[in-house]
């Protein structure tokens, strides 16, 4: 079950949602997106038989890739930055699991060469997924994400980490 955490951020027609996700839901959506893409690749071949594995692998490589990002591991969290511009306008979903981060959105297509007609299988509106396995367990319910300029910043607090609250002692 996915639990929404926040849906308030937007940038250049892209709006951000961040949710706690289950691996099962994530895997199902990725598999469905790859199956649709593999079908369109097969369709672009004129439904020629004998290339099913090749079509599936191509769909997989275009749909699911590692997340390209910079991140900093601190004592109590991971601070992560990535470029949201590879996603088209619309929803960018950040799925947070204890040991994995996945970002889902529509593929941005700028070039005519990114279409089926010229050999690629990228179609405007194709869902793409970028995933990162995390180096330690984080608390998905305390994760935050926001646009900062052209960057998407994500904070992933370590599981069990407690924020230190500064307290002042008053002199009597």
N, C-alpha and C. Protein backbone atom coordinates (compact mmCIF):
# COMPACT_ATOMS: atom_id res chain seq x y z
N UNK A 1 0.84 -1.18 0.00
CA UNK A 1 0.00 0.00 0.00
C UNK A 1 0.88 1.24 0.00
N UNK A 2 0.53 2.21 -0.81
CA UNK A 2 1.28 3.45 -0.85
C UNK A 2 0.56 4.50 -0.03
N UNK A 3 1.31 5.22 0.75
CA UNK A 3 0.75 6.26 1.58
C UNK A 3 1.29 7.61 1.12
N UNK A 4 0.41 8.53 0.67
CA UNK A 4 0.91 9.83 0.24
C UNK A 4 1.55 10.58 1.41
N UNK A 5 2.66 11.23 1.14
CA UNK A 5 3.32 12.06 2.15
C UNK A 5 3.10 13.53 1.81
N UNK A 6 3.30 13.90 0.54
CA UNK A 6 3.19 15.29 0.16
C UNK A 6 2.87 15.40 -1.32
N UNK A 7 2.10 16.42 -1.71
CA UNK A 7 1.80 16.65 -3.13
C UNK A 7 1.84 18.14 -3.47
N UNK A 8 2.62 18.92 -2.76
CA UNK A 8 2.49 20.37 -2.86
C UNK A 8 3.48 21.07 -3.80
N UNK A 9 4.50 20.43 -4.28
CA UNK A 9 5.54 21.09 -5.05
C UNK A 9 5.27 21.04 -6.54
N UNK A 10 5.67 22.11 -7.26
CA UNK A 10 5.58 22.11 -8.72
C UNK A 10 6.71 22.96 -9.31
N UNK A 11 7.08 22.62 -10.57
CA UNK A 11 8.13 23.33 -11.29
C UNK A 11 7.92 23.09 -12.77
N UNK A 12 7.83 24.14 -13.56
CA UNK A 12 7.73 24.06 -15.02
C UNK A 12 6.69 23.04 -15.51
N UNK A 13 5.52 23.06 -14.93
CA UNK A 13 4.47 22.15 -15.34
C UNK A 13 4.59 20.74 -14.78
N UNK A 14 5.58 20.53 -13.95
CA UNK A 14 5.76 19.24 -13.31
C UNK A 14 5.33 19.38 -11.86
N UNK A 15 4.53 18.44 -11.38
CA UNK A 15 4.18 18.49 -9.96
C UNK A 15 4.67 17.21 -9.29
N UNK A 16 5.03 17.37 -8.07
CA UNK A 16 5.75 16.34 -7.33
C UNK A 16 4.84 15.67 -6.31
N UNK A 17 4.89 14.35 -6.28
CA UNK A 17 4.25 13.61 -5.20
C UNK A 17 5.32 12.69 -4.59
N UNK A 18 5.23 12.50 -3.31
CA UNK A 18 6.15 11.59 -2.63
C UNK A 18 5.32 10.64 -1.77
N UNK A 19 5.57 9.37 -1.93
CA UNK A 19 4.79 8.36 -1.22
C UNK A 19 5.69 7.24 -0.70
N UNK A 20 5.21 6.60 0.36
CA UNK A 20 5.84 5.37 0.81
C UNK A 20 5.27 4.28 -0.09
N UNK A 21 6.13 3.46 -0.65
CA UNK A 21 5.68 2.46 -1.61
C UNK A 21 6.06 1.06 -1.16
N UNK A 22 5.32 0.09 -1.68
CA UNK A 22 5.70 -1.29 -1.47
C UNK A 22 6.41 -1.78 -2.71
N UNK A 23 7.32 -2.70 -2.56
CA UNK A 23 8.05 -3.26 -3.69
C UNK A 23 7.10 -3.90 -4.69
N UNK A 24 6.04 -4.56 -4.19
CA UNK A 24 5.11 -5.23 -5.07
C UNK A 24 4.41 -4.25 -6.01
N UNK A 25 3.90 -3.15 -5.48
CA UNK A 25 3.23 -2.14 -6.30
C UNK A 25 4.20 -1.53 -7.31
N UNK A 26 5.40 -1.23 -6.85
CA UNK A 26 6.44 -0.66 -7.71
C UNK A 26 6.76 -1.61 -8.86
N UNK A 27 7.01 -2.88 -8.51
CA UNK A 27 7.38 -3.87 -9.52
C UNK A 27 6.26 -4.09 -10.54
N UNK A 28 5.01 -4.08 -10.08
CA UNK A 28 3.87 -4.26 -10.98
C UNK A 28 3.79 -3.12 -11.98
N UNK A 29 3.94 -1.88 -11.52
CA UNK A 29 3.85 -0.74 -12.43
C UNK A 29 5.01 -0.73 -13.43
N UNK A 30 6.20 -1.09 -12.98
CA UNK A 30 7.35 -1.15 -13.89
C UNK A 30 7.13 -2.24 -14.94
N UNK A 31 6.68 -3.41 -14.51
CA UNK A 31 6.44 -4.52 -15.44
C UNK A 31 5.38 -4.14 -16.47
N UNK A 32 4.29 -3.51 -16.03
CA UNK A 32 3.23 -3.09 -16.96
C UNK A 32 3.75 -2.08 -17.98
N UNK A 33 4.56 -1.13 -17.54
CA UNK A 33 5.12 -0.13 -18.46
C UNK A 33 6.06 -0.79 -19.47
N UNK A 34 6.86 -1.76 -19.02
CA UNK A 34 7.76 -2.46 -19.94
C UNK A 34 6.98 -3.30 -20.95
N UNK A 35 5.89 -3.94 -20.50
CA UNK A 35 5.08 -4.75 -21.41
C UNK A 35 4.45 -3.89 -22.49
N UNK A 36 3.93 -2.72 -22.13
CA UNK A 36 3.35 -1.81 -23.12
C UNK A 36 4.41 -1.35 -24.13
N UNK A 37 5.58 -1.03 -23.62
CA UNK A 37 6.65 -0.57 -24.52
C UNK A 37 7.11 -1.71 -25.44
N UNK A 38 7.25 -2.93 -24.89
CA UNK A 38 7.66 -4.07 -25.71
C UNK A 38 6.63 -4.34 -26.82
N UNK A 39 5.35 -4.19 -26.50
CA UNK A 39 4.31 -4.37 -27.51
C UNK A 39 4.46 -3.34 -28.62
N UNK A 40 4.71 -2.07 -28.25
CA UNK A 40 4.86 -1.03 -29.28
C UNK A 40 6.11 -1.27 -30.13
N UNK A 41 7.16 -1.80 -29.54
CA UNK A 41 8.35 -2.14 -30.32
C UNK A 41 8.02 -3.26 -31.30
N UNK A 42 7.31 -4.27 -30.81
CA UNK A 42 6.89 -5.38 -31.66
C UNK A 42 5.99 -4.89 -32.79
N UNK A 43 5.08 -3.98 -32.44
CA UNK A 43 4.17 -3.39 -33.43
C UNK A 43 4.96 -2.63 -34.49
N UNK A 44 6.01 -1.91 -34.07
CA UNK A 44 6.82 -1.13 -35.03
C UNK A 44 7.60 -2.04 -35.98
N UNK A 45 7.80 -3.30 -35.58
CA UNK A 45 8.45 -4.29 -36.46
C UNK A 45 7.45 -4.95 -37.40
N UNK A 46 6.20 -4.53 -37.35
CA UNK A 46 5.17 -5.16 -38.17
C UNK A 46 4.73 -6.50 -37.61
N UNK A 47 4.84 -6.65 -36.30
CA UNK A 47 4.45 -7.87 -35.58
C UNK A 47 5.26 -9.09 -36.03
N UNK A 48 6.50 -8.84 -36.45
CA UNK A 48 7.37 -9.95 -36.87
C UNK A 48 7.74 -10.80 -35.66
N UNK A 49 7.62 -12.11 -35.83
CA UNK A 49 7.93 -13.04 -34.74
C UNK A 49 9.43 -13.32 -34.67
N UNK A 50 9.87 -13.80 -33.52
CA UNK A 50 11.26 -14.21 -33.36
C UNK A 50 12.14 -13.20 -32.65
N UNK A 51 11.60 -12.06 -32.24
CA UNK A 51 12.40 -11.03 -31.58
C UNK A 51 11.85 -10.67 -30.20
N UNK A 52 11.06 -11.57 -29.60
CA UNK A 52 10.40 -11.25 -28.35
C UNK A 52 11.38 -10.88 -27.25
N UNK A 53 12.43 -11.66 -27.08
CA UNK A 53 13.41 -11.39 -26.02
C UNK A 53 14.15 -10.09 -26.29
N UNK A 54 14.53 -9.86 -27.52
CA UNK A 54 15.19 -8.61 -27.90
C UNK A 54 14.28 -7.41 -27.64
N UNK A 55 12.99 -7.53 -28.02
CA UNK A 55 12.04 -6.44 -27.79
C UNK A 55 11.85 -6.19 -26.30
N UNK A 56 11.75 -7.26 -25.52
CA UNK A 56 11.57 -7.11 -24.08
C UNK A 56 12.79 -6.43 -23.45
N UNK A 57 13.98 -6.87 -23.82
CA UNK A 57 15.20 -6.27 -23.24
C UNK A 57 15.34 -4.80 -23.63
N UNK A 58 14.98 -4.48 -24.85
CA UNK A 58 15.03 -3.08 -25.27
C UNK A 58 14.02 -2.24 -24.48
N UNK A 59 12.81 -2.76 -24.31
CA UNK A 59 11.79 -2.06 -23.52
C UNK A 59 12.27 -1.89 -22.08
N UNK A 60 12.88 -2.92 -21.53
CA UNK A 60 13.39 -2.86 -20.16
C UNK A 60 14.48 -1.80 -20.03
N UNK A 61 15.40 -1.75 -20.98
CA UNK A 61 16.50 -0.79 -20.89
C UNK A 61 16.04 0.65 -21.08
N UNK A 62 14.95 0.85 -21.81
CA UNK A 62 14.43 2.20 -22.01
C UNK A 62 13.49 2.64 -20.89
N UNK A 63 12.93 1.70 -20.15
CA UNK A 63 11.95 2.00 -19.12
C UNK A 63 12.58 2.17 -17.75
N UNK A 64 13.46 1.27 -17.36
CA UNK A 64 14.03 1.26 -16.02
C UNK A 64 15.54 1.43 -16.09
N UNK A 65 16.02 2.48 -15.45
CA UNK A 65 17.46 2.75 -15.40
C UNK A 65 17.84 3.20 -14.00
N UNK A 66 19.12 3.14 -13.71
CA UNK A 66 19.56 3.68 -12.41
C UNK A 66 19.33 5.19 -12.37
N UNK A 67 19.09 5.69 -11.17
CA UNK A 67 18.90 7.12 -10.98
C UNK A 67 20.26 7.82 -11.03
N UNK A 68 20.38 8.80 -11.90
CA UNK A 68 21.57 9.62 -11.96
C UNK A 68 21.39 10.76 -10.97
N UNK A 69 22.25 10.82 -9.99
CA UNK A 69 22.07 11.83 -8.95
C UNK A 69 23.38 12.05 -8.22
N UNK A 70 23.37 13.08 -7.42
CA UNK A 70 24.43 13.30 -6.46
C UNK A 70 23.83 13.14 -5.09
N UNK A 71 24.56 12.53 -4.19
CA UNK A 71 24.01 12.45 -2.84
C UNK A 71 25.11 12.54 -1.81
N UNK A 72 24.69 13.00 -0.65
CA UNK A 72 25.59 13.20 0.47
C UNK A 72 25.03 12.41 1.65
N UNK A 73 25.85 11.55 2.22
CA UNK A 73 25.44 10.77 3.38
C UNK A 73 25.89 11.53 4.63
N UNK A 74 24.91 11.91 5.43
CA UNK A 74 25.19 12.60 6.69
C UNK A 74 24.92 11.65 7.85
N UNK A 75 25.14 12.11 9.08
CA UNK A 75 24.92 11.27 10.25
C UNK A 75 23.49 10.76 10.35
N UNK A 76 22.50 11.63 10.03
CA UNK A 76 21.11 11.27 10.26
C UNK A 76 20.27 11.14 8.99
N UNK A 77 20.86 11.37 7.79
CA UNK A 77 20.07 11.31 6.56
C UNK A 77 20.94 11.26 5.32
N UNK A 78 20.29 11.01 4.21
CA UNK A 78 20.91 11.14 2.88
C UNK A 78 20.27 12.34 2.22
N UNK A 79 21.09 13.26 1.71
CA UNK A 79 20.60 14.38 0.91
C UNK A 79 20.91 14.04 -0.54
N UNK A 80 19.88 14.03 -1.38
CA UNK A 80 20.02 13.60 -2.76
C UNK A 80 19.53 14.70 -3.70
N UNK A 81 20.24 14.92 -4.80
CA UNK A 81 19.86 15.90 -5.83
C UNK A 81 19.86 15.22 -7.18
N UNK A 82 18.83 15.50 -7.99
CA UNK A 82 18.77 14.98 -9.35
C UNK A 82 18.08 16.00 -10.25
N UNK A 83 18.15 15.78 -11.55
CA UNK A 83 17.58 16.70 -12.52
C UNK A 83 16.19 16.21 -12.95
N UNK A 84 15.13 16.96 -12.63
CA UNK A 84 13.78 16.52 -13.02
C UNK A 84 13.45 16.80 -14.48
N UNK A 85 14.35 17.46 -15.23
CA UNK A 85 14.05 17.86 -16.60
C UNK A 85 13.97 16.68 -17.57
N UNK A 86 14.42 15.49 -17.19
CA UNK A 86 14.28 14.35 -18.09
C UNK A 86 12.84 13.85 -18.14
N UNK A 87 12.02 14.32 -17.19
CA UNK A 87 10.60 13.97 -17.17
C UNK A 87 9.79 15.07 -17.84
N UNK A 88 8.72 14.67 -18.51
CA UNK A 88 7.83 15.62 -19.16
C UNK A 88 6.92 16.28 -18.12
N UNK A 89 6.16 17.27 -18.57
CA UNK A 89 5.22 17.92 -17.67
C UNK A 89 4.23 16.91 -17.12
N UNK A 90 3.73 17.17 -15.94
CA UNK A 90 2.79 16.26 -15.29
C UNK A 90 3.38 15.78 -13.98
N UNK A 91 2.87 14.67 -13.51
CA UNK A 91 3.29 14.15 -12.22
C UNK A 91 4.66 13.49 -12.28
N UNK A 92 5.48 13.84 -11.31
CA UNK A 92 6.72 13.11 -11.03
C UNK A 92 6.50 12.49 -9.66
N UNK A 93 6.48 11.17 -9.63
CA UNK A 93 6.21 10.46 -8.38
C UNK A 93 7.52 9.95 -7.79
N UNK A 94 7.75 10.29 -6.54
CA UNK A 94 8.92 9.81 -5.80
C UNK A 94 8.41 8.73 -4.87
N UNK A 95 8.85 7.50 -5.09
CA UNK A 95 8.45 6.37 -4.26
C UNK A 95 9.59 6.03 -3.33
N UNK A 96 9.30 6.01 -2.05
CA UNK A 96 10.33 5.78 -1.04
C UNK A 96 10.05 4.46 -0.33
N UNK A 97 11.05 3.61 -0.30
CA UNK A 97 11.02 2.35 0.44
C UNK A 97 12.18 2.38 1.42
N UNK A 98 12.21 1.50 2.41
CA UNK A 98 13.31 1.54 3.37
C UNK A 98 14.70 1.42 2.76
N UNK A 99 14.85 0.68 1.66
CA UNK A 99 16.17 0.50 1.06
C UNK A 99 16.24 0.88 -0.42
N UNK A 100 15.21 1.59 -0.92
CA UNK A 100 15.19 1.94 -2.34
C UNK A 100 14.41 3.22 -2.56
N UNK A 101 14.86 3.98 -3.55
CA UNK A 101 14.17 5.18 -4.01
C UNK A 101 13.90 5.00 -5.49
N UNK A 102 12.67 5.28 -5.92
CA UNK A 102 12.31 5.20 -7.33
C UNK A 102 11.57 6.47 -7.71
N UNK A 103 11.91 7.01 -8.87
CA UNK A 103 11.21 8.18 -9.40
C UNK A 103 10.55 7.77 -10.70
N UNK A 104 9.25 8.09 -10.82
CA UNK A 104 8.47 7.73 -12.00
C UNK A 104 7.88 8.98 -12.62
N UNK A 105 7.91 9.04 -13.94
CA UNK A 105 7.29 10.14 -14.65
C UNK A 105 7.18 9.82 -16.13
N UNK A 106 6.60 10.75 -16.88
CA UNK A 106 6.51 10.58 -18.32
C UNK A 106 7.82 10.99 -18.95
N UNK A 107 8.25 10.21 -19.94
CA UNK A 107 9.49 10.53 -20.64
C UNK A 107 9.31 11.80 -21.45
N UNK A 108 10.28 12.70 -21.33
CA UNK A 108 10.27 13.92 -22.12
C UNK A 108 10.86 13.62 -23.48
N UNK A 109 10.17 14.01 -24.53
CA UNK A 109 10.64 13.80 -25.89
C UNK A 109 10.79 15.16 -26.55
N UNK A 110 12.02 15.52 -26.86
CA UNK A 110 12.28 16.81 -27.49
C UNK A 110 12.65 16.69 -28.96
N UNK A 111 13.26 15.58 -29.28
CA UNK A 111 13.80 15.43 -30.62
C UNK A 111 12.89 14.54 -31.48
N UNK A 112 12.73 14.87 -32.76
CA UNK A 112 11.97 13.98 -33.64
C UNK A 112 12.60 12.59 -33.72
N UNK A 113 13.89 12.49 -33.50
CA UNK A 113 14.58 11.20 -33.54
C UNK A 113 14.23 10.29 -32.39
N UNK A 114 13.48 10.78 -31.41
CA UNK A 114 13.08 9.97 -30.26
C UNK A 114 11.78 9.23 -30.50
N UNK A 115 11.32 9.13 -31.72
CA UNK A 115 10.05 8.48 -31.99
C UNK A 115 10.25 7.16 -32.71
N UNK A 116 9.22 6.35 -32.78
CA UNK A 116 9.29 5.05 -33.45
C UNK A 116 9.64 5.19 -34.92
N UNK A 117 9.21 6.26 -35.55
CA UNK A 117 9.43 6.44 -36.98
C UNK A 117 10.91 6.42 -37.32
N UNK A 118 11.76 6.98 -36.46
CA UNK A 118 13.18 7.07 -36.76
C UNK A 118 14.00 6.07 -35.98
N UNK A 119 13.37 5.00 -35.49
CA UNK A 119 14.14 3.90 -34.93
C UNK A 119 14.13 3.77 -33.43
N UNK A 120 13.81 4.83 -32.70
CA UNK A 120 13.73 4.70 -31.24
C UNK A 120 12.33 4.26 -30.86
N UNK A 121 12.16 3.80 -29.63
CA UNK A 121 10.81 3.40 -29.21
C UNK A 121 10.23 4.41 -28.24
N UNK A 122 10.91 5.53 -28.02
CA UNK A 122 10.40 6.51 -27.07
C UNK A 122 9.21 7.26 -27.64
N UNK A 123 8.13 7.21 -26.94
CA UNK A 123 6.94 7.95 -27.33
C UNK A 123 6.61 8.92 -26.23
N UNK A 124 6.13 10.09 -26.61
CA UNK A 124 5.71 11.05 -25.61
C UNK A 124 4.67 10.39 -24.72
N UNK A 125 4.84 10.49 -23.42
CA UNK A 125 3.89 9.89 -22.50
C UNK A 125 4.31 8.53 -21.98
N UNK A 126 5.38 7.93 -22.52
CA UNK A 126 5.87 6.67 -21.97
C UNK A 126 6.31 6.90 -20.54
N UNK A 127 5.95 5.99 -19.65
CA UNK A 127 6.42 6.09 -18.28
C UNK A 127 7.85 5.57 -18.21
N UNK A 128 8.69 6.32 -17.50
CA UNK A 128 10.05 5.87 -17.25
C UNK A 128 10.28 5.87 -15.74
N UNK A 129 11.18 5.02 -15.32
CA UNK A 129 11.48 4.84 -13.91
C UNK A 129 12.98 4.95 -13.70
N UNK A 130 13.38 5.66 -12.67
CA UNK A 130 14.78 5.77 -12.29
C UNK A 130 14.86 5.30 -10.84
N UNK A 131 15.76 4.37 -10.57
CA UNK A 131 15.78 3.73 -9.25
C UNK A 131 17.19 3.76 -8.66
N UNK A 132 17.22 3.82 -7.32
CA UNK A 132 18.49 3.83 -6.59
C UNK A 132 18.35 2.96 -5.35
N UNK A 133 19.23 1.97 -5.22
CA UNK A 133 19.30 1.20 -3.98
C UNK A 133 20.08 2.02 -2.97
N UNK A 134 19.55 2.11 -1.77
CA UNK A 134 20.14 2.97 -0.74
C UNK A 134 21.15 2.20 0.09
N UNK A 135 22.18 2.88 0.61
CA UNK A 135 23.25 2.19 1.33
C UNK A 135 22.87 1.74 2.74
N UNK A 136 21.76 2.25 3.26
CA UNK A 136 21.28 1.84 4.58
C UNK A 136 19.78 2.11 4.65
N UNK A 137 19.14 1.59 5.67
CA UNK A 137 17.70 1.73 5.80
C UNK A 137 17.32 3.16 6.20
N UNK A 138 16.31 3.67 5.51
CA UNK A 138 15.81 5.01 5.81
C UNK A 138 14.36 4.91 6.29
N UNK A 139 13.85 6.01 6.83
CA UNK A 139 12.46 6.08 7.29
C UNK A 139 11.62 6.71 6.19
N UNK A 140 10.89 5.92 5.41
CA UNK A 140 10.13 6.46 4.28
C UNK A 140 9.07 7.49 4.68
N UNK A 141 8.54 7.38 5.89
CA UNK A 141 7.48 8.30 6.31
C UNK A 141 7.98 9.70 6.62
N UNK A 142 9.28 9.86 6.82
CA UNK A 142 9.84 11.19 7.10
C UNK A 142 10.59 11.76 5.90
N UNK A 143 10.56 11.08 4.77
CA UNK A 143 11.24 11.57 3.57
C UNK A 143 10.54 12.83 3.06
N UNK A 144 11.34 13.74 2.50
CA UNK A 144 10.80 14.96 1.90
C UNK A 144 11.41 15.15 0.52
N UNK A 145 10.67 15.83 -0.35
CA UNK A 145 11.16 16.14 -1.69
C UNK A 145 10.65 17.51 -2.08
N UNK A 146 11.47 18.25 -2.83
CA UNK A 146 11.08 19.59 -3.25
C UNK A 146 11.91 19.98 -4.48
N UNK A 147 11.35 20.88 -5.27
CA UNK A 147 12.10 21.47 -6.36
C UNK A 147 12.87 22.66 -5.81
N UNK A 148 14.12 22.77 -6.18
CA UNK A 148 14.93 23.92 -5.81
C UNK A 148 15.65 24.37 -7.08
N UNK A 149 15.10 25.41 -7.70
CA UNK A 149 15.62 25.82 -9.00
C UNK A 149 15.36 24.70 -10.00
N UNK A 150 16.39 24.30 -10.71
CA UNK A 150 16.27 23.19 -11.68
C UNK A 150 16.52 21.83 -11.06
N UNK A 151 16.75 21.76 -9.77
CA UNK A 151 17.08 20.50 -9.12
C UNK A 151 15.89 19.95 -8.33
N UNK A 152 15.84 18.66 -8.24
CA UNK A 152 14.91 17.98 -7.36
C UNK A 152 15.73 17.51 -6.17
N UNK A 153 15.40 18.03 -4.99
CA UNK A 153 16.12 17.68 -3.76
C UNK A 153 15.27 16.73 -2.94
N UNK A 154 15.88 15.66 -2.47
CA UNK A 154 15.18 14.66 -1.67
C UNK A 154 15.99 14.41 -0.41
N UNK A 155 15.35 14.49 0.74
CA UNK A 155 15.98 14.17 2.02
C UNK A 155 15.41 12.86 2.51
N UNK A 156 16.30 11.93 2.84
CA UNK A 156 15.91 10.60 3.29
C UNK A 156 16.49 10.35 4.68
N UNK A 157 15.71 10.58 5.73
CA UNK A 157 16.23 10.37 7.10
C UNK A 157 16.50 8.90 7.37
N UNK A 158 17.60 8.64 8.07
CA UNK A 158 17.93 7.27 8.44
C UNK A 158 16.85 6.71 9.37
N UNK A 159 16.59 5.43 9.25
CA UNK A 159 15.63 4.78 10.14
C UNK A 159 16.18 4.84 11.55
N UNK A 160 15.34 5.18 12.49
CA UNK A 160 15.75 5.25 13.89
C UNK A 160 16.48 6.50 14.27
N UNK A 161 16.80 7.36 13.29
CA UNK A 161 17.49 8.61 13.62
C UNK A 161 16.49 9.58 14.23
N UNK A 162 16.90 10.21 15.27
CA UNK A 162 16.04 11.19 15.95
C UNK A 162 16.68 12.56 15.78
N UNK A 163 15.87 13.51 15.37
CA UNK A 163 16.39 14.87 15.22
C UNK A 163 16.75 15.43 16.57
N UNK A 164 17.89 16.09 16.61
CA UNK A 164 18.31 16.73 17.85
C UNK A 164 17.63 18.09 17.95
N UNK A 165 17.02 18.34 19.05
CA UNK A 165 16.33 19.61 19.27
C UNK A 165 17.15 20.41 20.26
N UNK A 166 17.53 21.60 19.83
CA UNK A 166 18.31 22.46 20.71
C UNK A 166 17.40 23.01 21.80
N UNK A 167 17.83 22.90 23.00
CA UNK A 167 17.04 23.45 24.10
C UNK A 167 17.92 24.39 24.88
N UNK A 168 17.31 25.45 25.34
CA UNK A 168 18.04 26.44 26.13
C UNK A 168 17.70 26.26 27.58
N UNK A 169 18.72 26.31 28.40
CA UNK A 169 18.48 26.25 29.83
C UNK A 169 18.34 27.68 30.32
N UNK A 170 17.28 27.89 31.03
CA UNK A 170 17.05 29.23 31.55
C UNK A 170 17.69 29.35 32.91
N UNK A 171 18.36 30.46 33.10
CA UNK A 171 19.01 30.71 34.39
C UNK A 171 17.95 31.16 35.39
N UNK A 172 18.00 30.63 36.57
CA UNK A 172 16.99 30.97 37.60
C UNK A 172 17.31 32.24 38.30
